[in-house]
C-alpha atoms as a PDB file:
ATOM      1  CA  MET A   1       0.000   0.000   0.000  1.00  0.00           C
ATOM      2  CA  PRO A   2       1.240   3.495  -0.754  1.00  0.00           C
ATOM      3  CA  TYR A   3       2.123   6.381   1.533  1.00  0.00           C
ATOM      4  CA  TYR A   4       0.406   9.723   0.985  1.00  0.00           C
ATOM      5  CA  ILE A   5       1.675  13.161   1.970  1.00  0.00           C
ATOM      6  CA  TYR A   6      -0.819  15.830   3.010  1.00  0.00           C
ATOM      7  CA  ARG A   7      -0.621  19.490   3.983  1.00  0.00           C
ATOM      8  CA  ILE A   8      -3.099  20.042   6.812  1.00  0.00           C
ATOM      9  CA  THR A   9      -4.352  23.513   7.676  1.00  0.00           C
ATOM     10  CA  GLN A  10      -7.029  24.273  10.219  1.00  0.00           C
ATOM     11  CA  VAL A  11      -9.201  27.391  10.163  1.00  0.00           C
ATOM     12  CA  GLY A  12     -11.482  27.300  13.165  1.00  0.00           C
ATOM     13  CA  PRO A  13     -13.277  23.948  13.238  1.00  0.00           C
ATOM     14  CA  ILE A  14     -12.580  23.234   9.563  1.00  0.00           C
ATOM     15  CA  ARG A  15      -9.598  21.046   8.671  1.00  0.00           C
ATOM     16  CA  ARG A  16      -8.368  21.391   5.083  1.00  0.00           C
ATOM     17  CA  LEU A  17      -6.422  18.503   3.548  1.00  0.00           C
ATOM     18  CA  GLU A  18      -4.259  19.151   0.504  1.00  0.00           C
ATOM     19  CA  PRO A  19      -2.708  16.051  -1.111  1.00  0.00           C
ATOM     20  CA  LEU A  20       0.940  16.677  -1.987  1.00  0.00           C
ATOM     21  CA  GLY A  21       2.163  13.324  -3.210  1.00  0.00           C
ATOM     22  CA  ARG A  22       2.110   9.547  -3.239  1.00  0.00           C
ATOM     23  CA  HIS A  23       5.077   7.246  -2.609  1.00  0.00           C
ATOM     24  CA  ASP A  24       5.406   3.485  -2.708  1.00  0.00           C
ATOM     25  CA  LYS A  25       8.144   3.353  -0.062  1.00  0.00           C
ATOM     26  CA  PHE A  26       8.189   4.937   3.383  1.00  0.00           C
ATOM     27  CA  LEU A  27      11.753   6.238   3.084  1.00  0.00           C
ATOM     28  CA  SER A  28      10.975   8.314   0.002  1.00  0.00           C
ATOM     29  CA  ALA A  29       7.717   9.588   1.542  1.00  0.00           C
ATOM     30  CA  SER A  30       9.504  10.517   4.759  1.00  0.00           C
ATOM     31  CA  ALA A  31      12.299  12.340   2.922  1.00  0.00           C
ATOM     32  CA  ALA A  32       9.785  14.288   0.827  1.00  0.00           C
ATOM     33  CA  ALA A  33       7.769  15.235   3.926  1.00  0.00           C
ATOM     34  CA  LYS A  34      10.887  16.410   5.767  1.00  0.00           C
ATOM     35  CA  ALA A  35      11.850  18.603   2.811  1.00  0.00           C
ATOM     36  CA  LEU A  36       8.340  20.093   2.701  1.00  0.00           C
ATOM     37  CA  ARG A  37       8.340  20.760   6.461  1.00  0.00           C
ATOM     38  CA  LYS A  38      11.390  23.013   6.145  1.00  0.00           C
ATOM     39  CA  GLY A  39       9.405  25.676   4.311  1.00  0.00           C
ATOM     40  CA  ILE A  40       6.241  25.913   6.424  1.00  0.00           C
ATOM     41  CA  ASP A  41       5.041  27.760   9.504  1.00  0.00           C
ATOM     42  CA  PRO A  42       4.184  24.982  12.018  1.00  0.00           C
ATOM     43  CA  GLU A  43       1.729  27.314  13.769  1.00  0.00           C
ATOM     44  CA  LYS A  44      -0.437  27.488  10.635  1.00  0.00           C
ATOM     45  CA  GLU A  45      -0.012  24.134   8.899  1.00  0.00           C
ATOM     46  CA  ARG A  46       1.567  20.717   9.151  1.00  0.00           C
ATOM     47  CA  ILE A  47       2.799  18.048   6.778  1.00  0.00           C
ATOM     48  CA  GLN A  48       1.801  14.453   7.486  1.00  0.00           C
ATOM     49  CA  VAL A  49       2.651  11.099   5.934  1.00  0.00           C
ATOM     50  CA  ILE A  50      -0.199   8.598   6.091  1.00  0.00           C
ATOM     51  CA  PHE A  51      -0.461   4.968   4.987  1.00  0.00           C
ATOM     52  CA  GLY A  52      -3.548   3.829   3.072  1.00  0.00           C
ATOM     53  CA  ALA A  53      -4.866   1.670   0.262  1.00  0.00           C
ATOM     54  CA  ASN A  54      -6.091   4.807  -1.527  1.00  0.00           C
ATOM     55  CA  GLU A  55      -6.538   8.554  -0.954  1.00  0.00           C
ATOM     56  CA  LEU A  56      -9.974   8.111   0.591  1.00  0.00           C
ATOM     57  CA  GLN A  57      -8.682   5.648   3.199  1.00  0.00           C
ATOM     58  CA  ALA A  58      -5.707   7.930   3.940  1.00  0.00           C
ATOM     59  CA  GLU A  59      -7.977  10.954   4.448  1.00  0.00           C
ATOM     60  CA  ASP A  60     -10.291   8.910   6.674  1.00  0.00           C
ATOM     61  CA  ALA A  61      -7.281   7.901   8.792  1.00  0.00           C
ATOM     62  CA  ILE A  62      -6.188  11.536   9.140  1.00  0.00           C
ATOM     63  CA  ASN A  63      -9.684  12.635  10.191  1.00  0.00           C
ATOM     64  CA  THR A  64     -10.289   9.779  12.644  1.00  0.00           C
ATOM     65  CA  VAL A  65     -10.344  11.039  16.213  1.00  0.00           C
ATOM     66  CA  ARG A  66      -8.403   8.620  18.381  1.00  0.00           C
ATOM     67  CA  THR A  67      -9.334   8.011  21.981  1.00  0.00           C
ATOM     68  CA  PRO A  68      -6.492   8.727  24.378  1.00  0.00           C
ATOM     69  CA  GLY A  69      -4.661   5.737  25.791  1.00  0.00           C
ATOM     70  CA  PRO A  70      -4.582   4.900  29.484  1.00  0.00           C
ATOM     71  CA  THR A  71      -2.590   7.210  31.719  1.00  0.00           C
ATOM     72  CA  LEU A  72      -0.394   6.306  34.641  1.00  0.00           C
ATOM     73  CA  GLY A  73      -2.533   5.907  37.743  1.00  0.00           C
ATOM     74  CA  ALA A  74      -5.832   5.861  35.843  1.00  0.00           C
ATOM     75  CA  ASP A  75      -6.847   2.582  37.464  1.00  0.00           C
ATOM     76  CA  LEU A  76      -6.599   3.887  41.029  1.00  0.00           C
END
């Protein structure tokens, strides 16, 4: 499955996803993402590599809200 690179910007509650590329290997996707991150303002946008069978699955993975894992002492 390929790796997709997205530029993610958030304006209020709206998250905008801009596809920037597709790579078959993680190393090339990671290198491309690192190069793209050098030219952005991290306060306004971020670059993310995501794994998926297609663009739709990758975008779903980015937009999925994950529940936080257990914290130390949570069972007390």
